[in-house]
Protein backbone atom coordinates (compact mmCIF):
# COMPACT_ATOMS: atom_id res chain seq x y z
CA MET A 1 -67.55 -57.68 -178.33
CA LYS A 2 -67.91 -56.80 -174.65
CA THR A 3 -64.67 -54.83 -174.83
CA LEU A 4 -65.98 -52.86 -177.81
CA LEU A 5 -69.22 -52.08 -176.00
CA LYS A 6 -67.27 -50.91 -172.97
CA ILE A 7 -65.17 -48.61 -175.17
CA VAL A 8 -68.23 -47.19 -176.90
CA GLY A 9 -70.01 -46.75 -173.58
CA GLY A 10 -66.99 -45.00 -172.16
CA LEU A 11 -66.82 -42.63 -175.13
CA VAL A 12 -70.53 -41.86 -174.83
CA ALA A 13 -70.10 -41.16 -171.13
CA LEU A 14 -67.18 -38.84 -171.87
CA VAL A 15 -69.24 -36.95 -174.44
CA VAL A 16 -72.12 -36.61 -172.00
CA VAL A 17 -69.81 -35.38 -169.24
CA ALA A 18 -68.09 -32.93 -171.60
CA ALA A 19 -71.44 -31.63 -172.88
CA GLY A 20 -72.70 -31.23 -169.33
CA ALA A 21 -69.55 -29.40 -168.29
CA GLY A 22 -69.79 -27.14 -171.31
CA PHE A 23 -73.44 -26.40 -170.62
CA GLY A 24 -72.69 -25.68 -166.98
CA TYR A 25 -69.86 -23.33 -167.92
CA LEU A 26 -72.09 -21.52 -170.43
CA MET A 27 -74.87 -21.08 -167.87
CA PHE A 28 -72.64 -19.90 -165.02
CA ALA A 29 -69.88 -17.98 -166.80
CA PHE A 30 -72.07 -16.07 -169.24
CA PRO A 31 -73.16 -13.42 -169.85
CA LYS A 32 -69.80 -11.79 -169.11
CA VAL A 33 -70.56 -8.18 -168.24
CA PRO A 34 -69.58 -5.99 -165.30
CA PRO A 35 -72.03 -5.40 -162.44
CA PRO A 36 -74.36 -2.39 -162.72
CA ALA A 37 -72.62 0.96 -162.33
CA ALA A 38 -73.34 3.19 -159.36
CA VAL A 39 -75.02 5.98 -161.30
CA THR A 40 -77.83 8.35 -160.36
CA LEU A 41 -79.63 10.26 -163.10
CA GLU A 42 -81.07 13.64 -162.23
CA PRO A 43 -84.16 14.57 -164.30
CA THR A 44 -83.08 18.07 -165.32
CA PRO A 45 -85.23 19.86 -167.92
CA GLU A 46 -82.37 19.77 -170.43
CA ARG A 47 -81.81 16.05 -169.96
CA LEU A 48 -85.53 15.26 -170.25
CA ALA A 49 -85.84 17.34 -173.45
CA ARG A 50 -82.83 15.62 -175.03
CA GLY A 51 -84.12 12.23 -173.96
CA LYS A 52 -87.55 12.87 -175.42
CA TYR A 53 -86.03 13.92 -178.74
CA LEU A 54 -83.80 10.86 -178.96
CA SER A 55 -86.36 8.33 -177.71
CA ASP A 56 -89.32 9.66 -179.71
CA HIS A 57 -87.59 10.67 -182.95
CA VAL A 58 -84.14 9.07 -183.29
CA SER A 59 -83.44 5.85 -181.38
CA MET A 60 -87.10 4.77 -181.31
CA CYS A 61 -87.23 3.40 -177.76
CA THR A 62 -90.75 4.83 -177.55
CA ASP A 63 -91.76 3.17 -180.80
CA CYS A 64 -90.48 -0.37 -180.10
CA HIS A 65 -91.76 -0.53 -176.53
CA SER A 66 -95.27 0.84 -177.15
CA GLU A 67 -98.42 -0.34 -178.87
CA ARG A 68 -98.78 1.00 -182.41
CA ASP A 69 -101.93 1.69 -184.42
CA TRP A 70 -101.52 -0.17 -187.71
CA THR A 71 -104.82 1.17 -189.04
CA LYS A 72 -102.93 4.44 -189.67
CA PHE A 73 -99.92 5.34 -191.77
CA SER A 74 -96.60 4.12 -190.32
CA GLY A 75 -98.27 2.72 -187.19
CA PRO A 76 -98.09 5.70 -184.83
CA VAL A 77 -97.74 4.99 -181.13
CA LYS A 78 -101.01 4.92 -179.19
CA PRO A 79 -100.67 7.85 -176.76
CA ASP A 80 -102.23 5.95 -173.86
CA ARG A 81 -100.02 2.87 -174.36
CA ILE A 82 -96.53 4.37 -174.34
CA GLY A 83 -93.92 2.01 -172.98
CA VAL A 84 -96.24 -0.93 -172.24
CA GLY A 85 -94.42 -3.33 -174.55
CA GLY A 86 -95.98 -6.32 -176.25
CA GLN A 87 -94.92 -5.78 -179.87
CA GLU A 88 -94.09 -9.13 -181.45
CA PHE A 89 -90.85 -9.49 -183.38
CA ALA A 90 -90.48 -12.74 -185.31
CA LEU A 91 -86.90 -13.98 -185.65
CA GLY A 92 -87.51 -16.69 -188.24
CA GLY A 93 -85.93 -19.96 -187.13
CA ALA A 94 -84.40 -18.28 -184.07
CA GLY A 95 -87.75 -17.77 -182.34
CA VAL A 96 -89.84 -14.77 -181.34
CA VAL A 97 -89.34 -11.93 -178.87
CA TYR A 98 -91.63 -9.21 -177.55
CA GLY A 99 -90.99 -5.60 -176.64
CA LYS A 100 -90.76 -5.30 -172.85
CA ASN A 101 -92.89 -3.11 -170.64
CA ILE A 102 -90.45 -0.35 -169.67
CA THR A 103 -92.85 1.95 -167.83
CA PRO A 104 -92.17 2.49 -164.11
CA ALA A 105 -94.76 -0.23 -163.40
CA ALA A 106 -92.23 -2.77 -164.69
CA ILE A 107 -88.82 -1.16 -164.08
CA GLY A 108 -89.61 1.10 -161.13
CA SER A 109 -87.56 -1.12 -158.80
CA TRP A 110 -84.52 -1.08 -161.08
CA THR A 111 -81.61 1.14 -160.18
CA ASP A 112 -80.34 3.58 -162.80
CA GLY A 113 -77.24 1.41 -163.10
CA GLU A 114 -79.28 -1.74 -163.75
CA LEU A 115 -81.31 0.03 -166.41
CA GLN A 116 -78.15 1.40 -168.03
CA ARG A 117 -76.55 -2.07 -168.06
CA ALA A 118 -79.60 -3.58 -169.77
CA VAL A 119 -79.65 -0.95 -172.50
CA THR A 120 -75.91 -0.75 -173.14
CA ALA A 121 -74.64 -4.25 -172.27
CA GLY A 122 -77.69 -6.48 -172.80
CA VAL A 123 -78.27 -7.98 -169.34
CA SER A 124 -81.50 -7.60 -167.41
CA LYS A 125 -81.81 -6.83 -163.70
CA ASP A 126 -82.08 -10.56 -162.91
CA GLY A 127 -79.09 -11.50 -165.09
CA THR A 128 -81.08 -12.67 -168.12
CA PRO A 129 -79.22 -11.96 -171.39
CA LEU A 130 -81.28 -9.86 -173.81
CA PHE A 131 -81.64 -10.78 -177.45
CA PRO A 132 -79.83 -8.12 -179.53
CA LEU A 133 -83.00 -7.09 -181.32
CA MET A 134 -82.78 -4.76 -178.36
CA PRO A 135 -79.85 -2.93 -179.99
CA TYR A 136 -77.51 -2.79 -177.02
CA PRO A 137 -74.43 -3.29 -179.26
CA HIS A 138 -75.25 0.13 -180.78
CA PHE A 139 -76.52 1.78 -177.62
CA GLY A 140 -73.38 0.63 -175.80
CA ALA A 141 -71.40 2.93 -178.08
CA MET A 142 -73.75 5.90 -177.59
CA ALA A 143 -72.38 8.99 -175.89
CA ALA A 144 -72.97 8.71 -172.14
CA ASP A 145 -74.91 11.98 -171.92
CA ASP A 146 -77.26 10.86 -174.71
CA MET A 147 -77.83 7.50 -173.06
CA HIS A 148 -78.47 9.12 -169.69
CA ALA A 149 -80.96 11.49 -171.31
CA ILE A 150 -82.93 8.60 -172.82
CA LEU A 151 -83.03 6.67 -169.55
CA THR A 152 -84.14 9.74 -167.63
CA TYR A 153 -86.95 10.37 -170.12
CA VAL A 154 -88.14 6.75 -169.96
CA ARG A 155 -88.24 7.05 -166.18
CA SER A 156 -90.72 9.93 -166.58
CA TRP A 157 -93.37 7.83 -168.35
CA ARG A 158 -96.69 7.01 -166.73
CA ALA A 159 -96.69 3.65 -164.95
CA ILE A 160 -98.93 1.15 -166.78
CA ASP A 161 -99.37 -2.47 -165.75
CA ASN A 162 -99.07 -4.81 -168.74
CA GLN A 163 -97.95 -8.43 -168.71
CA VAL A 164 -95.90 -9.21 -171.81
CA THR A 165 -95.64 -12.66 -173.38
CA PRO A 166 -92.25 -14.26 -172.58
CA ARG A 167 -89.86 -14.69 -175.49
CA THR A 168 -89.22 -18.01 -177.20
CA LEU A 169 -85.69 -18.68 -178.42
CA ASN A 170 -85.06 -21.94 -180.25
CA PHE A 171 -81.94 -24.09 -179.94
CA PRO A 172 -79.11 -23.16 -180.38
CA MET A 173 -80.03 -19.46 -180.16
CA ASN A 174 -81.25 -19.94 -176.59
CA LEU A 175 -77.62 -20.76 -175.71
CA ILE A 176 -75.85 -18.46 -178.16
CA VAL A 177 -77.72 -15.45 -176.73
CA ARG A 178 -75.82 -15.88 -173.46
CA THR A 179 -72.52 -15.17 -175.22
CA ILE A 180 -73.60 -11.95 -176.97
CA PRO A 181 -73.85 -9.33 -174.18
CA ALA A 182 -70.69 -7.29 -173.66
CA ALA A 183 -69.73 -4.22 -171.69
CA GLY A 184 -70.64 -0.98 -173.42
CA THR A 185 -67.91 1.28 -174.75
CA PRO A 186 -69.46 4.75 -174.87
CA GLN A 187 -67.95 7.23 -177.28
CA GLN A 188 -67.97 10.98 -177.44
CA ARG A 189 -70.71 12.46 -179.61
CA PRO A 190 -68.92 14.04 -182.60
CA SER A 191 -69.39 17.73 -183.23
CA PRO A 192 -72.10 18.51 -185.81
CA GLN A 193 -69.44 20.59 -187.55
CA ASP A 194 -67.73 17.31 -188.45
CA LYS A 195 -70.69 16.33 -190.59
CA LEU A 196 -69.53 12.91 -191.73
CA ALA A 197 -68.47 11.72 -188.26
CA TYR A 198 -71.63 13.16 -186.73
CA GLY A 199 -73.75 11.60 -189.49
CA LYS A 200 -72.19 8.19 -188.86
CA TYR A 201 -72.97 8.54 -185.15
CA MET A 202 -76.58 9.56 -185.81
CA THR A 203 -77.06 6.77 -188.35
CA LYS A 204 -75.86 4.28 -185.75
CA ILE A 205 -78.09 5.47 -182.90
CA ALA A 206 -81.06 5.87 -185.28
CA LEU A 207 -80.59 2.14 -186.03
CA CYS A 208 -80.84 2.60 -189.79
CA GLY A 209 -78.60 -0.40 -190.45
CA ASP A 210 -80.61 -2.69 -188.17
CA CYS A 211 -83.69 -2.57 -190.38
CA HIS A 212 -82.08 -1.93 -193.76
CA THR A 213 -79.49 -4.73 -193.65
CA PRO A 214 -80.71 -8.23 -194.57
CA ILE A 215 -79.89 -11.03 -192.13
CA ASP A 216 -79.51 -14.80 -192.23
CA ASP A 217 -81.66 -17.33 -190.35
CA ARG A 218 -79.53 -16.83 -187.23
CA GLY A 219 -80.03 -13.08 -187.19
CA GLN A 220 -76.56 -12.25 -188.49
CA PRO A 221 -76.09 -9.43 -191.08
CA LEU A 222 -75.27 -10.70 -194.56
CA PRO A 223 -71.69 -9.66 -195.47
CA GLY A 224 -71.49 -7.10 -198.24
CA ARG A 225 -75.21 -6.31 -198.02
CA GLU A 226 -75.11 -3.53 -195.43
CA PHE A 227 -77.99 -1.05 -195.83
CA SER A 228 -79.14 -2.75 -199.06
CA GLY A 229 -82.65 -3.51 -197.79
CA GLY A 230 -84.85 -6.54 -198.16
CA MET A 231 -85.44 -7.42 -194.50
CA GLU A 232 -89.03 -8.59 -194.17
CA PHE A 233 -91.45 -7.46 -191.45
CA LEU A 234 -94.94 -8.69 -190.57
CA GLU A 235 -95.95 -6.19 -187.89
CA THR A 236 -98.47 -4.40 -190.13
CA GLY A 237 -100.35 -7.63 -190.81
CA TYR A 238 -98.87 -7.80 -194.31
CA ARG A 239 -95.36 -8.40 -195.57
CA VAL A 240 -93.21 -5.27 -195.77
CA ARG A 241 -89.57 -5.17 -196.84
CA SER A 242 -87.06 -2.48 -196.01
CA ALA A 243 -85.71 -0.29 -198.80
CA ASN A 244 -82.20 -0.22 -200.23
CA ILE A 245 -80.65 2.97 -198.82
CA THR A 246 -77.16 2.54 -200.24
CA PRO A 247 -76.11 5.15 -202.85
CA ASP A 248 -76.80 2.81 -205.78
CA ALA A 249 -78.39 5.03 -208.43
CA ASP A 250 -80.87 2.47 -209.77
CA THR A 251 -82.01 0.45 -206.77
CA GLY A 252 -80.99 2.65 -203.83
CA ILE A 253 -80.99 6.38 -203.04
CA GLY A 254 -78.04 7.32 -205.22
CA SER A 255 -80.19 9.61 -207.37
CA TRP A 256 -81.73 11.41 -204.38
CA THR A 257 -80.65 14.92 -203.48
CA GLU A 258 -80.16 15.90 -199.87
CA GLN A 259 -83.33 17.98 -200.04
CA GLN A 260 -85.35 15.05 -201.37
CA PHE A 261 -84.06 12.85 -198.56
CA ILE A 262 -84.98 15.38 -195.87
CA ASP A 263 -88.36 16.13 -197.44
CA LYS A 264 -89.17 12.40 -197.50
CA PHE A 265 -89.29 12.55 -193.71
CA LYS A 266 -90.51 16.08 -193.14
CA ALA A 267 -93.57 15.45 -195.34
CA PHE A 268 -95.01 13.50 -192.39
CA GLU A 269 -94.21 16.00 -189.65
CA THR A 270 -97.93 16.73 -189.35
CA PRO A 271 -99.31 13.18 -189.44
CA SER A 272 -102.70 12.34 -190.88
CA ASP A 273 -105.24 10.77 -188.55
CA ALA A 274 -106.96 9.01 -191.44
CA VAL A 275 -107.77 5.31 -191.13
CA LEU A 276 -106.28 3.32 -193.99
CA SER A 277 -108.33 1.16 -196.32
CA ASP A 278 -107.36 -2.50 -196.72
CA THR A 279 -105.62 -1.68 -200.00
CA GLU A 280 -103.64 1.11 -198.30
CA ARG A 281 -102.75 -1.15 -195.35
CA ARG A 282 -101.16 -3.59 -197.76
CA GLN A 283 -98.72 -0.78 -198.57
CA ASN A 284 -98.33 0.57 -195.06
CA THR A 285 -94.79 0.92 -193.80
CA VAL A 286 -93.37 -0.58 -190.62
CA MET A 287 -90.85 2.28 -190.58
CA PRO A 288 -92.12 4.90 -188.09
CA MET A 289 -91.96 7.78 -190.57
CA THR A 290 -94.19 10.05 -188.52
CA ALA A 291 -91.80 9.62 -185.57
CA TYR A 292 -88.61 10.08 -187.61
CA ALA A 293 -90.23 13.19 -189.11
CA GLY A 294 -89.55 14.92 -185.79
CA MET A 295 -85.81 14.68 -186.34
CA THR A 296 -84.12 17.99 -187.04
CA ARG A 297 -83.15 18.89 -190.59
CA GLU A 298 -79.55 19.13 -189.45
CA ASP A 299 -79.55 15.56 -188.14
CA LEU A 300 -81.30 14.22 -191.25
CA SER A 301 -78.78 16.07 -193.40
CA ALA A 302 -75.89 14.47 -191.49
CA ILE A 303 -77.40 10.98 -191.88
CA TYR A 304 -77.80 11.58 -195.61
CA ALA A 305 -74.15 12.65 -195.83
CA HIS A 306 -73.04 9.44 -194.15
CA LEU A 307 -75.27 7.22 -196.31
CA ARG A 308 -73.66 8.75 -199.39
CA THR A 309 -70.29 7.38 -198.25
CA LEU A 310 -71.50 3.76 -198.17
CA GLN A 311 -70.63 1.17 -200.78
CA PRO A 312 -73.42 1.11 -203.40
CA VAL A 313 -75.17 -2.28 -203.49
CA VAL A 314 -77.42 -3.35 -206.33
CA ASN A 315 -80.55 -4.82 -204.75
CA ARG A 316 -83.98 -4.16 -206.20
CA VAL A 317 -86.50 -4.68 -203.42
CA THR A 318 -90.20 -5.45 -203.84
CA ARG A 319 -91.34 -3.40 -200.87
CA PHE A 320 -94.95 -4.55 -200.56
CA PRO A 321 -95.32 -8.08 -201.96
CA ASP A 322 -98.86 -8.48 -200.59
CA ALA A 323 -100.05 -5.40 -202.47
CA GLN A 324 -99.92 -7.23 -205.82
């Protein structure tokens, strides 16, 4: 009996040692990304203009890192709270994260290289791995000049002090997140003349797939369901689900013409300042339509062209379940 207990005790000790070694390796070896690049971004007028366009109307850095007014259609950004962070993003069983303050009050001490590494590789100035709700896997593939334009524009924002609630990541996501960051692999921005390639690029940096692809309880996209909608959001105060934007004729946008697709956005180019009633708020959208409305018709047309090439997926979504 004593021999058996010694064997069991030895096995338990081995497991504990192995687990400790594995934990130590995970904590010290990850995240595996290169050190920040030695880069200096000059705030030229052209770079600032491009960065404003991309941040405000395409990649939505402005939207995710600012306070939004959910009493109005599509939750427009509060002009005096740009970049302060604080938006709550529930991750189901994985935990909850909050948009960071990215005004100069919070990142003013960061080098341009440290800021670029965070956005494209997913590692903060202090080495903390970012949860990929911050879409660094997509931004890491963004053309370098587009990324530099966005970072330069963000640097131009007014400094606002705002302490943001720390994230909470549950086990095992608090460990898995360390393995996700990876070095960015920037690509060349395709020529707009190559409409399909350019549309694919714009769809990626506009993050369409991030919100319109359903995920499992670990935040992983469901295979075969890309762009089919159904992801649920609670930011408006009521449940909102993303639409199916695959070219399925019955449940997606397969019956939409290019003009209808573009007009869907451009209808909100001059946003209403009206305060929504409770009934209207139950059908408010988390999608920042009034921000996306500022995208050019050419870019919207290219995105539409790419979406038409996707595999149609049958998925009928109840967009506003709390409106019933």
